[in-house]
Amino acid sequence: MKHILLTSIILISLASCKAQQIITPIFNNPTPAHTPNNYYKDVDGDFDKFIGTWKFQNTDTEFIIELRKELHYLTPSNYYKDLLIGEYLYKKNNIIQINTLENMDNSLISGYQHSVS
């Protein structure tokens, strides 16, 4: 009975172990090849200066873009990275031509599915 219990504990422990994830700077990376299970992180905060709502307006045109940082996004190639994502609104002569801003808070949309990534 002791052997079965000890063996079960060892197997459960081994099954729950995960390899340590390697954090690599997303910029100034000497090895640009993307390795599975790596995390390409915005360690220097390069994305931070772009985060927010930006607006351009002249007499008949208005363009609004909202940008956010999405952390630890799992790419289809099985590596993680921080992304700058966004949505926008475009008006011409006060008529909305395109508006994707509501997609920013849609939990079903992530990563490269956003209009800007």
Protein backbone atom coordinates (compact mmCIF):
# COMPACT_ATOMS: atom_id res chain seq x y z
CA MET A 1 0.00 0.00 0.00
CA LYS A 2 2.90 2.31 0.84
CA HIS A 3 4.45 1.71 -2.58
CA ILE A 4 1.21 2.51 -4.40
CA LEU A 5 0.77 5.74 -2.45
CA LEU A 6 4.40 6.79 -2.97
CA THR A 7 4.28 5.93 -6.67
CA SER A 8 1.04 7.89 -7.08
CA ILE A 9 2.53 10.96 -5.39
CA ILE A 10 5.64 10.81 -7.60
CA LEU A 11 3.58 10.45 -10.79
CA ILE A 12 1.29 13.33 -9.87
CA SER A 13 4.31 15.50 -9.03
CA LEU A 14 6.01 14.71 -12.33
CA ALA A 15 2.84 15.31 -14.32
CA SER A 16 2.35 18.73 -12.79
CA CYS A 17 5.94 19.89 -13.45
CA LYS A 18 6.37 22.36 -16.27
CA ALA A 19 9.49 23.55 -18.01
CA GLN A 20 10.59 26.98 -16.99
CA GLN A 21 9.61 29.62 -19.52
CA ILE A 22 12.45 31.68 -20.97
CA ILE A 23 11.76 35.43 -21.04
CA THR A 24 13.37 37.11 -24.05
CA PRO A 25 13.24 40.86 -24.80
CA ILE A 26 10.89 41.50 -27.72
CA PHE A 27 13.23 44.22 -29.05
CA ASN A 28 17.04 44.17 -29.26
CA ASN A 29 16.89 40.40 -29.39
CA PRO A 30 20.12 38.90 -30.81
CA THR A 31 18.26 35.70 -31.82
CA PRO A 32 15.10 36.76 -33.70
CA ALA A 33 13.97 33.15 -34.32
CA HIS A 34 10.90 32.39 -32.25
CA THR A 35 11.29 29.34 -30.05
CA PRO A 36 8.28 27.43 -28.73
CA ASN A 37 7.45 28.13 -25.07
CA ASN A 38 9.58 31.30 -25.03
CA TYR A 39 8.01 34.54 -23.83
CA TYR A 40 8.99 37.54 -25.96
CA LYS A 41 8.27 40.30 -23.47
CA ASP A 42 8.24 44.08 -23.71
CA VAL A 43 10.77 44.24 -20.87
CA ASP A 44 11.79 47.86 -21.53
CA GLY A 45 8.24 49.22 -21.83
CA ASP A 46 8.64 50.19 -25.49
CA PHE A 47 4.90 49.73 -26.11
CA ASP A 48 3.92 51.99 -23.20
CA LYS A 49 4.49 55.24 -25.09
CA PHE A 50 1.84 54.23 -27.65
CA ILE A 51 -0.88 53.06 -25.25
CA GLY A 52 -3.95 55.26 -25.09
CA THR A 53 -6.50 56.94 -27.33
CA TRP A 54 -5.17 58.97 -30.23
CA LYS A 55 -7.29 61.37 -32.26
CA PHE A 56 -6.82 63.17 -35.57
CA GLN A 57 -9.38 65.70 -36.72
CA ASN A 58 -9.62 68.29 -39.48
CA THR A 59 -12.61 70.03 -41.05
CA ASP A 60 -14.38 66.95 -42.46
CA THR A 61 -12.41 63.93 -41.21
CA GLU A 62 -12.04 62.34 -37.79
CA PHE A 63 -9.89 59.32 -36.97
CA ILE A 64 -9.66 57.82 -33.46
CA ILE A 65 -7.44 54.87 -32.60
CA GLU A 66 -7.24 53.16 -29.21
CA LEU A 67 -4.16 51.10 -28.41
CA ARG A 68 -3.49 48.70 -25.53
CA LYS A 69 -0.81 46.22 -24.60
CA GLU A 70 -1.86 42.58 -24.50
CA LEU A 71 0.44 40.58 -22.26
CA HIS A 72 1.55 36.97 -22.64
CA TYR A 73 -0.36 36.24 -25.88
CA LEU A 74 0.05 32.65 -27.10
CA THR A 75 0.76 32.77 -30.83
CA PRO A 76 -0.29 30.06 -33.30
CA SER A 77 3.42 29.07 -33.46
CA ASN A 78 3.30 28.14 -29.75
CA TYR A 79 5.38 30.94 -28.27
CA TYR A 80 4.23 33.83 -26.10
CA LYS A 81 4.66 37.52 -26.75
CA ASP A 82 3.42 40.93 -25.70
CA LEU A 83 1.39 42.66 -28.40
CA LEU A 84 0.24 46.18 -29.08
CA ILE A 85 -3.39 45.83 -30.14
CA GLY A 86 -6.04 48.33 -31.13
CA GLU A 87 -9.28 49.32 -32.75
CA TYR A 88 -10.37 52.49 -34.53
CA LEU A 89 -13.16 54.79 -35.67
CA TYR A 90 -13.18 56.71 -38.96
CA LYS A 91 -15.70 59.48 -39.75
CA LYS A 92 -16.03 61.45 -42.96
CA ASN A 93 -18.38 64.47 -43.07
CA ASN A 94 -19.65 63.46 -39.61
CA ILE A 95 -20.79 60.06 -40.93
CA ILE A 96 -19.20 56.97 -39.40
CA GLN A 97 -17.49 54.99 -42.13
CA ILE A 98 -15.83 52.34 -39.91
CA ASN A 99 -16.10 51.77 -36.17
CA THR A 100 -14.34 48.83 -34.54
CA LEU A 101 -13.80 50.47 -31.12
CA GLU A 102 -16.39 48.22 -29.45
CA ASN A 103 -14.12 45.24 -30.19
CA MET A 104 -11.55 46.44 -27.65
CA ASP A 105 -13.60 45.08 -24.76
CA ASN A 106 -14.83 41.96 -26.53
CA SER A 107 -13.33 39.01 -24.62
CA LEU A 108 -13.80 36.74 -27.66
CA ILE A 109 -11.29 38.80 -29.67
CA SER A 110 -7.62 38.65 -28.78
CA GLY A 111 -4.17 39.08 -30.29
CA TYR A 112 -3.98 39.24 -34.06
CA GLN A 113 -7.79 39.18 -34.37
CA HIS A 114 -7.89 42.88 -33.50
CA SER A 115 -7.98 45.41 -36.32
CA VAL A 116 -4.54 46.69 -35.30
CA SER A 117 -1.85 44.36 -33.98
